[in-house]
Amino acid sequence: MDKSKTAPRRLLQSRRFWSSIISIITLMIAATRPELEEHLDVLAPTITTICVTLVGGYIIEDRELAKQAGANGNEGGDESSAA
């Protein structure tokens, strides 16, 4: 399969990508709204912290799922690991 066609599809399906995009859009909206200008010093770090926490959680979840998939793949009578 052509990787150049699957990479954009994987990116658009990524929860990490969409969390980052939504956070950037939210920050831009908060920065451009005059009524939120006085609260921007609190909003910007809060939005950034939420985004980083979400993305970090997704990374941990993906690693655990990969570990589980690897462990399930090795259970099928893999004789090379037997001593």
C-alpha atoms as a PDB file:
ATOM      1  CA  MET A   1       0.000   0.000   0.000  1.00  0.00           C
ATOM      2  CA  ASP A   2       1.216   3.485  -0.823  1.00  0.00           C
ATOM      3  CA  LYS A   3       2.276   5.208   2.405  1.00  0.00           C
ATOM      4  CA  SER A   4       1.806   8.669   0.884  1.00  0.00           C
ATOM      5  CA  LYS A   5      -1.940   8.022   0.699  1.00  0.00           C
ATOM      6  CA  THR A   6      -2.318   6.482   4.152  1.00  0.00           C
ATOM      7  CA  ALA A   7      -0.369   9.127   6.084  1.00  0.00           C
ATOM      8  CA  PRO A   8      -2.918  11.952   5.587  1.00  0.00           C
ATOM      9  CA  ARG A   9      -5.761   9.567   6.413  1.00  0.00           C
ATOM     10  CA  ARG A  10      -4.025   8.460   9.618  1.00  0.00           C
ATOM     11  CA  LEU A  11      -3.373  12.090  10.550  1.00  0.00           C
ATOM     12  CA  LEU A  12      -7.018  13.075  10.074  1.00  0.00           C
ATOM     13  CA  GLN A  13      -8.137  10.139  12.210  1.00  0.00           C
ATOM     14  CA  SER A  14      -5.689  10.934  15.010  1.00  0.00           C
ATOM     15  CA  ARG A  15      -7.164  12.046  18.330  1.00  0.00           C
ATOM     16  CA  ARG A  16      -3.863  13.752  19.167  1.00  0.00           C
ATOM     17  CA  PHE A  17      -4.041  15.834  15.975  1.00  0.00           C
ATOM     18  CA  TRP A  18      -7.639  16.941  16.534  1.00  0.00           C
ATOM     19  CA  SER A  19      -7.023  17.750  20.203  1.00  0.00           C
ATOM     20  CA  SER A  20      -4.153  19.992  19.170  1.00  0.00           C
ATOM     21  CA  ILE A  21      -6.147  21.676  16.389  1.00  0.00           C
ATOM     22  CA  ILE A  22      -9.126  22.334  18.673  1.00  0.00           C
ATOM     23  CA  SER A  23      -6.808  23.759  21.333  1.00  0.00           C
ATOM     24  CA  ILE A  24      -5.136  26.072  18.828  1.00  0.00           C
ATOM     25  CA  ILE A  25      -8.518  27.277  17.528  1.00  0.00           C
ATOM     26  CA  THR A  26      -9.746  27.838  21.080  1.00  0.00           C
ATOM     27  CA  LEU A  27      -6.622  29.824  21.928  1.00  0.00           C
ATOM     28  CA  MET A  28      -7.043  31.931  18.790  1.00  0.00           C
ATOM     29  CA  ILE A  29     -10.679  32.667  19.603  1.00  0.00           C
ATOM     30  CA  ALA A  30      -9.823  33.573  23.187  1.00  0.00           C
ATOM     31  CA  ALA A  31      -7.004  35.849  22.014  1.00  0.00           C
ATOM     32  CA  THR A  32      -9.167  37.706  19.506  1.00  0.00           C
ATOM     33  CA  ARG A  33     -12.223  38.273  21.706  1.00  0.00           C
ATOM     34  CA  PRO A  34     -11.982  41.644  23.480  1.00  0.00           C
ATOM     35  CA  GLU A  35     -14.157  40.512  26.386  1.00  0.00           C
ATOM     36  CA  LEU A  36     -11.765  37.636  27.116  1.00  0.00           C
ATOM     37  CA  GLU A  37      -8.597  39.711  26.869  1.00  0.00           C
ATOM     38  CA  GLU A  38      -8.375  40.334  30.610  1.00  0.00           C
ATOM     39  CA  HIS A  39      -8.695  36.588  31.301  1.00  0.00           C
ATOM     40  CA  LEU A  40      -6.196  35.468  28.659  1.00  0.00           C
ATOM     41  CA  ASP A  41      -3.400  35.132  31.219  1.00  0.00           C
ATOM     42  CA  VAL A  42      -5.459  32.355  32.857  1.00  0.00           C
ATOM     43  CA  LEU A  43      -7.140  30.883  29.768  1.00  0.00           C
ATOM     44  CA  ALA A  44      -4.011  30.299  27.680  1.00  0.00           C
ATOM     45  CA  PRO A  45      -2.145  28.137  30.224  1.00  0.00           C
ATOM     46  CA  THR A  46      -5.343  26.292  31.106  1.00  0.00           C
ATOM     47  CA  ILE A  47      -6.169  25.418  27.498  1.00  0.00           C
ATOM     48  CA  THR A  48      -2.556  24.419  26.853  1.00  0.00           C
ATOM     49  CA  THR A  49      -2.458  22.221  29.963  1.00  0.00           C
ATOM     50  CA  ILE A  50      -5.677  20.464  28.966  1.00  0.00           C
ATOM     51  CA  CYS A  51      -4.311  19.826  25.461  1.00  0.00           C
ATOM     52  CA  VAL A  52      -0.986  18.483  26.714  1.00  0.00           C
ATOM     53  CA  THR A  53      -2.748  16.253  29.230  1.00  0.00           C
ATOM     54  CA  LEU A  54      -5.084  14.840  26.573  1.00  0.00           C
ATOM     55  CA  VAL A  55      -2.292  14.187  24.095  1.00  0.00           C
ATOM     56  CA  GLY A  56      -0.125  12.603  26.804  1.00  0.00           C
ATOM     57  CA  GLY A  57      -3.006  10.372  27.856  1.00  0.00           C
ATOM     58  CA  TYR A  58      -3.581   9.316  24.256  1.00  0.00           C
ATOM     59  CA  ILE A  59       0.108   8.455  23.882  1.00  0.00           C
ATOM     60  CA  ILE A  60       0.056   6.321  27.039  1.00  0.00           C
ATOM     61  CA  GLU A  61      -3.144   4.618  25.903  1.00  0.00           C
ATOM     62  CA  ASP A  62      -1.711   3.881  22.444  1.00  0.00           C
ATOM     63  CA  ARG A  63       1.457   2.397  23.964  1.00  0.00           C
ATOM     64  CA  GLU A  64      -0.541   0.128  26.257  1.00  0.00           C
ATOM     65  CA  LEU A  65      -2.728  -1.029  23.362  1.00  0.00           C
ATOM     66  CA  ALA A  66       0.403  -1.746  21.312  1.00  0.00           C
ATOM     67  CA  LYS A  67       1.889  -3.744  24.206  1.00  0.00           C
ATOM     68  CA  GLN A  68      -1.321  -5.761  24.537  1.00  0.00           C
ATOM     69  CA  ALA A  69      -1.446  -6.400  20.801  1.00  0.00           C
ATOM     70  CA  GLY A  70       2.199  -7.520  20.873  1.00  0.00           C
ATOM     71  CA  ALA A  71       1.566  -9.810  23.821  1.00  0.00           C
ATOM     72  CA  ASN A  72      -1.471 -11.352  22.116  1.00  0.00           C
ATOM     73  CA  GLY A  73       0.524 -11.884  18.922  1.00  0.00           C
ATOM     74  CA  ASN A  74       3.245 -13.813  20.765  1.00  0.00           C
ATOM     75  CA  GLU A  75       0.866 -16.288  22.414  1.00  0.00           C
ATOM     76  CA  GLY A  76       0.276 -18.309  19.240  1.00  0.00           C
ATOM     77  CA  GLY A  77       2.979 -20.947  19.739  1.00  0.00           C
ATOM     78  CA  ASP A  78       6.072 -18.871  19.020  1.00  0.00           C
ATOM     79  CA  GLU A  79       8.811 -21.473  19.398  1.00  0.00           C
ATOM     80  CA  SER A  80      11.673 -19.040  18.884  1.00  0.00           C
ATOM     81  CA  SER A  81      11.178 -17.559  22.338  1.00  0.00           C
ATOM     82  CA  ALA A  82      11.117 -20.954  24.058  1.00  0.00           C
ATOM     83  CA  ALA A  83      14.392 -21.851  25.792  1.00  0.00           C
END
